[in-house]
Amino acid sequence: MKKLNVAYRERWRARTGTTLIEAAWGLTETHTCDTFVTGLQEGDLDLRSAPIFVGLPVPGADFLICDFESGEVCALGAEGEIRVRTPSLMTQYWNNPGETAATLAGGWFRTGDIGAFDERGFLHFLGRRKEMLKYRGMSVFPAEIEAFLGQHPAVVGSGVIGRPDERHGEVPVAFVVVDPTRRDAVDARALEAWCRENLASYKVPEIHVVESLPLTATGKVKKYELARALEAIGR
């Protein structure tokens, strides 16, 4: 996962005189964009907020943050499942009534994503529930770490998975692609030190600098291939 960062935006502004804007958060099932960050660029608010910041709901999109098990609506600021309802919401999965019934509840789409709304009404996307790691009982979200790593000017992209650990449960491990022009100055130790300065200690990942990441046709990191790579490292 790679988010737009302040340094890249500044270079874009210098060359074009325009402001580059992140697309925000959305789903294929809702026809893509469900939040927006347009108008939140003064002082680079959208980029200087938490890495998991994805803006405000687009007009016509309704959101709930619900308890995964009970379906009860969570209190403001509490983490839970993001549920969304939009005029463009799909009606069903093709030839898959079981999956349709599991994800559509009373007109709301159950995303399987963990999120929270802050007091200003901004949505914070924490990641997929199935990807969440537990480090000594603390929740660690790979998407959050990936978004944070994306703020480093030398990082081109990253993918974070968990490594089973008898003492800690799961340790976050980041595979990171560094800008080829910066590799002599930025290595795994430097990135780990930068993470320790800016992240809670339990979120600091082990880092492996790699030449490239395995990607799907739509640009998503193939986490199962990272898991295989991690197994090979451990042998």
C-alpha atoms as a PDB file:
ATOM      1  CA  MET A   1       0.000   0.000   0.000  1.00  0.00           C
ATOM      2  CA  LYS A   2       1.339   3.401  -0.951  1.00  0.00           C
ATOM      3  CA  LYS A   3      -0.314   6.685  -0.044  1.00  0.00           C
ATOM      4  CA  LEU A   4       0.392  10.090  -1.469  1.00  0.00           C
ATOM      5  CA  ASN A   5       2.834  11.952   0.794  1.00  0.00           C
ATOM      6  CA  VAL A   6       3.637  15.611   1.390  1.00  0.00           C
ATOM      7  CA  ALA A   7       7.025  15.519  -0.341  1.00  0.00           C
ATOM      8  CA  TYR A   8       5.547  14.076  -3.545  1.00  0.00           C
ATOM      9  CA  ARG A   9       2.690  16.606  -3.498  1.00  0.00           C
ATOM     10  CA  GLU A  10       5.159  19.471  -3.092  1.00  0.00           C
ATOM     11  CA  ARG A  11       7.150  18.274  -6.101  1.00  0.00           C
ATOM     12  CA  TRP A  12       3.942  17.991  -8.115  1.00  0.00           C
ATOM     13  CA  ARG A  13       2.893  21.529  -7.125  1.00  0.00           C
ATOM     14  CA  ALA A  14       6.290  22.914  -8.082  1.00  0.00           C
ATOM     15  CA  ARG A  15       6.122  21.332 -11.540  1.00  0.00           C
ATOM     16  CA  THR A  16       2.436  21.783 -12.414  1.00  0.00           C
ATOM     17  CA  GLY A  17       1.044  24.535 -10.192  1.00  0.00           C
ATOM     18  CA  THR A  18      -1.792  22.211  -9.198  1.00  0.00           C
ATOM     19  CA  THR A  19      -2.549  20.095  -6.129  1.00  0.00           C
ATOM     20  CA  LEU A  20      -2.535  16.304  -6.330  1.00  0.00           C
ATOM     21  CA  ILE A  21      -5.340  14.716  -4.281  1.00  0.00           C
ATOM     22  CA  GLU A  22      -5.729  11.195  -2.886  1.00  0.00           C
ATOM     23  CA  ALA A  23      -8.814   9.376  -4.162  1.00  0.00           C
ATOM     24  CA  ALA A  24      -9.887   8.241  -0.647  1.00  0.00           C
ATOM     25  CA  TRP A  25     -11.804   5.060   0.294  1.00  0.00           C
ATOM     26  CA  GLY A  26     -14.305   2.934  -1.570  1.00  0.00           C
ATOM     27  CA  LEU A  27     -15.390  -0.495  -2.738  1.00  0.00           C
ATOM     28  CA  THR A  28     -16.159  -2.237  -6.002  1.00  0.00           C
ATOM     29  CA  GLU A  29     -19.545  -3.230  -4.561  1.00  0.00           C
ATOM     30  CA  THR A  30     -20.479   0.433  -4.117  1.00  0.00           C
ATOM     31  CA  HIS A  31     -18.883   1.552  -7.390  1.00  0.00           C
ATOM     32  CA  THR A  32     -15.659   2.764  -5.839  1.00  0.00           C
ATOM     33  CA  CYS A  33     -15.489   6.149  -4.034  1.00  0.00           C
ATOM     34  CA  ASP A  34     -17.497   6.397  -0.808  1.00  0.00           C
ATOM     35  CA  THR A  35     -15.417   9.067   0.936  1.00  0.00           C
ATOM     36  CA  PHE A  36     -13.591  12.141  -0.322  1.00  0.00           C
ATOM     37  CA  VAL A  37     -10.735  14.416   0.742  1.00  0.00           C
ATOM     38  CA  THR A  38     -11.271  17.225  -1.796  1.00  0.00           C
ATOM     39  CA  GLY A  39     -11.114  20.575   0.002  1.00  0.00           C
ATOM     40  CA  LEU A  40      -8.991  19.203   2.854  1.00  0.00           C
ATOM     41  CA  GLN A  41      -5.639  20.127   1.311  1.00  0.00           C
ATOM     42  CA  GLU A  42      -5.002  23.409   3.125  1.00  0.00           C
ATOM     43  CA  GLY A  43      -1.875  22.847   5.186  1.00  0.00           C
ATOM     44  CA  ASP A  44      -1.923  19.310   3.747  1.00  0.00           C
ATOM     45  CA  LEU A  45      -4.502  18.358   6.382  1.00  0.00           C
ATOM     46  CA  ASP A  46      -5.434  15.194   4.513  1.00  0.00           C
ATOM     47  CA  LEU A  47      -1.834  13.962   4.419  1.00  0.00           C
ATOM     48  CA  ARG A  48      -0.663  15.179   7.821  1.00  0.00           C
ATOM     49  CA  SER A  49      -3.544  13.496   9.641  1.00  0.00           C
ATOM     50  CA  ALA A  50      -3.232   9.894  10.774  1.00  0.00           C
ATOM     51  CA  PRO A  51      -2.157   7.529   7.952  1.00  0.00           C
ATOM     52  CA  ILE A  52      -5.544   5.821   8.241  1.00  0.00           C
ATOM     53  CA  PHE A  53      -7.449   9.079   7.534  1.00  0.00           C
ATOM     54  CA  VAL A  54      -9.742   8.689   4.482  1.00  0.00           C
ATOM     55  CA  GLY A  55     -11.908  11.809   4.674  1.00  0.00           C
ATOM     56  CA  LEU A  56     -15.648  12.479   4.728  1.00  0.00           C
ATOM     57  CA  PRO A  57     -18.579  10.474   3.309  1.00  0.00           C
ATOM     58  CA  VAL A  58     -19.566  11.495  -0.217  1.00  0.00           C
ATOM     59  CA  PRO A  59     -23.096  12.949  -0.574  1.00  0.00           C
ATOM     60  CA  GLY A  60     -25.621  10.136  -0.634  1.00  0.00           C
ATOM     61  CA  ALA A  61     -23.388   7.628   1.168  1.00  0.00           C
ATOM     62  CA  ASP A  62     -24.453   6.548   4.636  1.00  0.00           C
ATOM     63  CA  PHE A  63     -22.092   4.875   7.107  1.00  0.00           C
ATOM     64  CA  LEU A  64     -22.384   2.886  10.310  1.00  0.00           C
ATOM     65  CA  ILE A  65     -19.648   1.528  12.563  1.00  0.00           C
ATOM     66  CA  CYS A  66     -21.026  -1.659  14.087  1.00  0.00           C
ATOM     67  CA  ASP A  67     -19.936  -4.406  16.414  1.00  0.00           C
ATOM     68  CA  PHE A  68     -18.879  -7.356  14.272  1.00  0.00           C
ATOM     69  CA  GLU A  69     -20.729  -9.926  16.337  1.00  0.00           C
ATOM     70  CA  SER A  70     -23.896  -8.214  17.607  1.00  0.00           C
ATOM     71  CA  GLY A  71     -24.391  -5.673  14.843  1.00  0.00           C
ATOM     72  CA  GLU A  72     -24.947  -2.941  17.432  1.00  0.00           C
ATOM     73  CA  VAL A  73     -23.881   0.567  16.424  1.00  0.00           C
ATOM     74  CA  CYS A  74     -20.626   1.540  18.140  1.00  0.00           C
ATOM     75  CA  ALA A  75     -20.051   4.729  20.111  1.00  0.00           C
ATOM     76  CA  LEU A  76     -18.315   7.633  18.377  1.00  0.00           C
ATOM     77  CA  GLY A  77     -14.588   6.935  18.156  1.00  0.00           C
ATOM     78  CA  ALA A  78     -14.952   3.210  18.812  1.00  0.00           C
ATOM     79  CA  GLU A  79     -13.592   0.712  16.303  1.00  0.00           C
ATOM     80  CA  GLY A  80     -15.926  -1.659  14.517  1.00  0.00           C
ATOM     81  CA  GLU A  81     -17.058  -2.932  11.139  1.00  0.00           C
ATOM     82  CA  ILE A  82     -17.625  -0.306   8.471  1.00  0.00           C
ATOM     83  CA  ARG A  83     -21.084  -0.691   6.962  1.00  0.00           C
ATOM     84  CA  VAL A  84     -22.089   1.469   4.031  1.00  0.00           C
ATOM     85  CA  ARG A  85     -25.259   2.208   2.076  1.00  0.00           C
ATOM     86  CA  THR A  86     -25.177   4.086  -1.233  1.00  0.00           C
ATOM     87  CA  PRO A  87     -27.526   4.666  -4.192  1.00  0.00           C
ATOM     88  CA  SER A  88     -25.078   2.674  -6.342  1.00  0.00           C
ATOM     89  CA  LEU A  89     -24.805  -0.322  -4.013  1.00  0.00           C
ATOM     90  CA  MET A  90     -24.833  -3.658  -5.806  1.00  0.00           C
ATOM     91  CA  THR A  91     -27.941  -5.823  -5.543  1.00  0.00           C
ATOM     92  CA  GLN A  92     -26.226  -9.215  -5.438  1.00  0.00           C
ATOM     93  CA  TYR A  93     -23.128 -11.225  -6.250  1.00  0.00           C
ATOM     94  CA  TRP A  94     -23.436 -13.100  -9.527  1.00  0.00           C
ATOM     95  CA  ASN A  95     -24.662 -16.648  -8.899  1.00  0.00           C
ATOM     96  CA  ASN A  96     -23.646 -16.467  -5.221  1.00  0.00           C
ATOM     97  CA  PRO A  97     -26.740 -16.071  -3.008  1.00  0.00           C
ATOM     98  CA  GLY A  98     -24.857 -17.239   0.079  1.00  0.00           C
ATOM     99  CA  GLU A  99     -22.252 -14.489  -0.146  1.00  0.00           C
ATOM    100  CA  THR A 100     -24.967 -11.974  -0.976  1.00  0.00           C
ATOM    101  CA  ALA A 101     -26.940 -12.879   2.154  1.00  0.00           C
ATOM    102  CA  ALA A 102     -23.799 -12.713   4.303  1.00  0.00           C
ATOM    103  CA  THR A 103     -22.744  -9.241   3.161  1.00  0.00           C
ATOM    104  CA  LEU A 104     -26.037  -7.408   2.588  1.00  0.00           C
ATOM    105  CA  ALA A 105     -27.975  -6.690   5.769  1.00  0.00           C
ATOM    106  CA  GLY A 106     -31.121  -4.580   5.537  1.00  0.00           C
ATOM    107  CA  GLY A 107     -29.740  -2.514   2.671  1.00  0.00           C
ATOM    108  CA  TRP A 108     -26.323  -2.068   4.310  1.00  0.00           C
ATOM    109  CA  PHE A 109     -23.153  -3.592   2.910  1.00  0.00           C
ATOM    110  CA  ARG A 110     -20.972  -5.355   5.484  1.00  0.00           C
ATOM    111  CA  THR A 111     -17.469  -4.495   4.306  1.00  0.00           C
ATOM    112  CA  GLY A 112     -15.403  -6.648   6.650  1.00  0.00           C
ATOM    113  CA  ASP A 113     -13.227  -3.542   7.131  1.00  0.00           C
ATOM    114  CA  ILE A 114     -12.426  -2.076  10.527  1.00  0.00           C
ATOM    115  CA  GLY A 115     -12.863   1.655  10.968  1.00  0.00           C
ATOM    116  CA  ALA A 116     -13.926   4.482  13.248  1.00  0.00           C
ATOM    117  CA  PHE A 117     -15.315   8.002  12.963  1.00  0.00           C
ATOM    118  CA  ASP A 118     -13.666  10.820  14.881  1.00  0.00           C
ATOM    119  CA  GLU A 119     -15.431  13.802  16.487  1.00  0.00           C
ATOM    120  CA  ARG A 120     -15.119  15.846  13.265  1.00  0.00           C
ATOM    121  CA  GLY A 121     -16.895  13.206  11.186  1.00  0.00           C
ATOM    122  CA  PHE A 122     -13.767  11.933   9.434  1.00  0.00           C
ATOM    123  CA  LEU A 123     -13.543   8.223   8.696  1.00  0.00           C
ATOM    124  CA  HIS A 124     -10.412   6.332   9.693  1.00  0.00           C
ATOM    125  CA  PHE A 125      -9.844   3.045   7.868  1.00  0.00           C
ATOM    126  CA  LEU A 126      -7.851   0.541   9.914  1.00  0.00           C
ATOM    127  CA  GLY A 127      -7.827  -2.416   7.546  1.00  0.00           C
ATOM    128  CA  ARG A 128      -9.408  -5.765   6.834  1.00  0.00           C
ATOM    129  CA  ARG A 129     -10.481  -7.673   9.913  1.00  0.00           C
ATOM    130  CA  LYS A 130      -9.043 -10.914   8.551  1.00  0.00           C
ATOM    131  CA  GLU A 131      -5.625  -9.246   8.193  1.00  0.00           C
ATOM    132  CA  MET A 132      -5.537  -7.809  11.724  1.00  0.00           C
ATOM    133  CA  LEU A 133      -2.597  -9.006  13.826  1.00  0.00           C
ATOM    134  CA  LYS A 134      -2.411  -9.472  17.587  1.00  0.00           C
ATOM    135  CA  TYR A 135       0.877  -8.492  19.228  1.00  0.00           C
ATOM    136  CA  ARG A 136       0.800  -9.279  22.965  1.00  0.00           C
ATOM    137  CA  GLY A 137      -2.957  -8.723  22.891  1.00  0.00           C
ATOM    138  CA  MET A 138      -2.697  -5.384  21.067  1.00  0.00           C
ATOM    139  CA  SER A 139      -4.377  -4.949  17.669  1.00  0.00           C
ATOM    140  CA  VAL A 140      -2.014  -4.183  14.802  1.00  0.00           C
ATOM    141  CA  PHE A 141      -3.376  -3.265  11.380  1.00  0.00           C
ATOM    142  CA  PRO A 142      -1.129  -3.942   8.363  1.00  0.00           C
ATOM    143  CA  ALA A 143      -2.911  -1.255   6.318  1.00  0.00           C
ATOM    144  CA  GLU A 144      -2.038   1.365   8.913  1.00  0.00           C
ATOM    145  CA  ILE A 145       1.652   0.416   8.872  1.00  0.00           C
ATOM    146  CA  GLU A 146       1.684   0.347   5.062  1.00  0.00           C
ATOM    147  CA  ALA A 147       0.106   3.796   4.923  1.00  0.00           C
ATOM    148  CA  PHE A 148       2.614   5.091   7.445  1.00  0.00           C
ATOM    149  CA  LEU A 149       5.585   3.663   5.547  1.00  0.00           C
ATOM    150  CA  GLY A 150       4.219   5.349   2.448  1.00  0.00           C
ATOM    151  CA  GLN A 151       4.864   8.716   4.092  1.00  0.00           C
ATOM    152  CA  HIS A 152       8.624   8.125   3.990  1.00  0.00           C
ATOM    153  CA  PRO A 153      10.026   9.938   0.942  1.00  0.00           C
ATOM    154  CA  ALA A 154      12.290   7.008   0.017  1.00  0.00           C
ATOM    155  CA  VAL A 155       9.587   4.322   0.153  1.00  0.00           C
ATOM    156  CA  VAL A 156       7.991   3.364  -3.157  1.00  0.00           C
ATOM    157  CA  GLY A 157       5.679   0.679  -1.789  1.00  0.00           C
ATOM    158  CA  SER A 158       5.225  -1.865   0.993  1.00  0.00           C
ATOM    159  CA  GLY A 159       3.308  -4.931   2.088  1.00  0.00           C
ATOM    160  CA  VAL A 160       2.854  -5.979   5.734  1.00  0.00           C
ATOM    161  CA  ILE A 161       2.019  -9.442   7.045  1.00  0.00           C
ATOM    162  CA  GLY A 162       2.318 -11.203  10.393  1.00  0.00           C
ATOM    163  CA  ARG A 163       4.955 -13.650  11.594  1.00  0.00           C
ATOM    164  CA  PRO A 164       3.813 -16.130  14.267  1.00  0.00           C
ATOM    165  CA  ASP A 165       5.776 -15.708  17.499  1.00  0.00           C
ATOM    166  CA  GLU A 166       5.488 -17.849  20.631  1.00  0.00           C
ATOM    167  CA  ARG A 167       6.097 -14.935  23.014  1.00  0.00           C
ATOM    168  CA  HIS A 168       4.251 -12.101  21.285  1.00  0.00           C
ATOM    169  CA  GLY A 169       1.565 -13.787  19.198  1.00  0.00           C
ATOM    170  CA  GLU A 170       2.183 -12.121  15.834  1.00  0.00           C
ATOM    171  CA  VAL A 171       4.999  -9.776  14.840  1.00  0.00           C
ATOM    172  CA  PRO A 172       4.384  -7.342  11.956  1.00  0.00           C
ATOM    173  CA  VAL A 173       6.820  -7.813   9.066  1.00  0.00           C
ATOM    174  CA  ALA A 174       7.112  -5.254   6.266  1.00  0.00           C
ATOM    175  CA  PHE A 175       8.463  -5.911   2.798  1.00  0.00           C
ATOM    176  CA  VAL A 176       9.519  -2.507   1.481  1.00  0.00           C
ATOM    177  CA  VAL A 177      10.562  -1.227  -1.932  1.00  0.00           C
ATOM    178  CA  VAL A 178      12.943   1.731  -1.706  1.00  0.00           C
ATOM    179  CA  ASP A 179      13.524   4.317  -4.441  1.00  0.00           C
ATOM    180  CA  PRO A 180      16.583   3.022  -6.348  1.00  0.00           C
ATOM    181  CA  THR A 181      18.215   6.453  -6.099  1.00  0.00           C
ATOM    182  CA  ARG A 182      17.982   6.332  -2.272  1.00  0.00           C
ATOM    183  CA  ARG A 183      19.093   2.768  -1.520  1.00  0.00           C
ATOM    184  CA  ASP A 184      22.608   3.755  -0.495  1.00  0.00           C
ATOM    185  CA  ALA A 185      21.220   6.106   2.152  1.00  0.00           C
ATOM    186  CA  VAL A 186      18.085   4.261   3.294  1.00  0.00           C
ATOM    187  CA  ASP A 187      18.207   0.614   4.377  1.00  0.00           C
ATOM    188  CA  ALA A 188      16.120  -1.632   6.631  1.00  0.00           C
ATOM    189  CA  ARG A 189      17.832  -0.418   9.825  1.00  0.00           C
ATOM    190  CA  ALA A 190      17.215   3.225   8.937  1.00  0.00           C
ATOM    191  CA  LEU A 191      13.549   2.540   8.207  1.00  0.00           C
ATOM    192  CA  GLU A 192      13.092   0.599  11.440  1.00  0.00           C
ATOM    193  CA  ALA A 193      14.669   3.488  13.383  1.00  0.00           C
ATOM    194  CA  TRP A 194      12.300   5.920  11.671  1.00  0.00           C
ATOM    195  CA  CYS A 195       9.352   3.706  12.603  1.00  0.00           C
ATOM    196  CA  ARG A 196      10.471   3.535  16.239  1.00  0.00           C
ATOM    197  CA  GLU A 197      10.521   7.331  16.373  1.00  0.00           C
ATOM    198  CA  ASN A 198       6.990   7.680  15.040  1.00  0.00           C
ATOM    199  CA  LEU A 199       4.984   4.550  15.898  1.00  0.00           C
ATOM    200  CA  ALA A 200       3.909   2.839  19.096  1.00  0.00           C
ATOM    201  CA  SER A 201       6.492   0.176  19.913  1.00  0.00           C
ATOM    202  CA  TYR A 202       4.138  -2.742  19.257  1.00  0.00           C
ATOM    203  CA  LYS A 203       3.450  -1.443  15.716  1.00  0.00           C
ATOM    204  CA  VAL A 204       7.100  -1.216  14.666  1.00  0.00           C
ATOM    205  CA  PRO A 205       7.635  -3.880  12.000  1.00  0.00           C
ATOM    206  CA  GLU A 206      10.583  -6.001  11.068  1.00  0.00           C
ATOM    207  CA  ILE A 207      11.634  -4.653   7.695  1.00  0.00           C
ATOM    208  CA  HIS A 208      12.966  -6.424   4.634  1.00  0.00           C
ATOM    209  CA  VAL A 209      13.969  -4.238   1.696  1.00  0.00           C
ATOM    210  CA  VAL A 210      13.076  -5.929  -1.601  1.00  0.00           C
ATOM    211  CA  GLU A 211      13.459  -5.119  -5.280  1.00  0.00           C
ATOM    212  CA  SER A 212       9.730  -5.368  -5.986  1.00  0.00           C
ATOM    213  CA  LEU A 213       6.414  -6.517  -4.542  1.00  0.00           C
ATOM    214  CA  PRO A 214       4.187  -9.258  -6.014  1.00  0.00           C
ATOM    215  CA  LEU A 215       1.098  -7.443  -7.300  1.00  0.00           C
ATOM    216  CA  THR A 216      -2.264  -8.416  -8.728  1.00  0.00           C
ATOM    217  CA  ALA A 217      -3.529  -6.979 -12.020  1.00  0.00           C
ATOM    218  CA  THR A 218      -5.251  -4.222 -10.021  1.00  0.00           C
ATOM    219  CA  GLY A 219      -2.114  -3.294  -8.088  1.00  0.00           C
ATOM    220  CA  LYS A 220      -2.856  -5.016  -4.780  1.00  0.00           C
ATOM    221  CA  VAL A 221      -0.047  -6.798  -2.954  1.00  0.00           C
ATOM    222  CA  LYS A 222      -0.287 -10.589  -3.000  1.00  0.00           C
ATOM    223  CA  LYS A 223       0.084 -11.223   0.716  1.00  0.00           C
ATOM    224  CA  TYR A 224       0.240 -15.004   0.290  1.00  0.00           C
ATOM    225  CA  GLU A 225       3.392 -14.600  -1.798  1.00  0.00           C
ATOM    226  CA  LEU A 226       4.905 -12.422   0.917  1.00  0.00           C
ATOM    227  CA  ALA A 227       4.128 -15.216   3.382  1.00  0.00           C
ATOM    228  CA  ARG A 228       6.046 -17.649   1.178  1.00  0.00           C
ATOM    229  CA  ALA A 229       8.966 -15.216   0.978  1.00  0.00           C
ATOM    230  CA  LEU A 230       8.970 -14.922   4.777  1.00  0.00           C
ATOM    231  CA  GLU A 231       9.027 -18.698   5.141  1.00  0.00           C
ATOM    232  CA  ALA A 232      12.035 -18.833   2.801  1.00  0.00           C
ATOM    233  CA  ILE A 233      13.842 -16.200   4.879  1.00  0.00           C
ATOM    234  CA  GLY A 234      13.263 -18.236   8.020  1.00  0.00           C
ATOM    235  CA  ARG A 235      14.733 -21.429   6.589  1.00  0.00           C
END
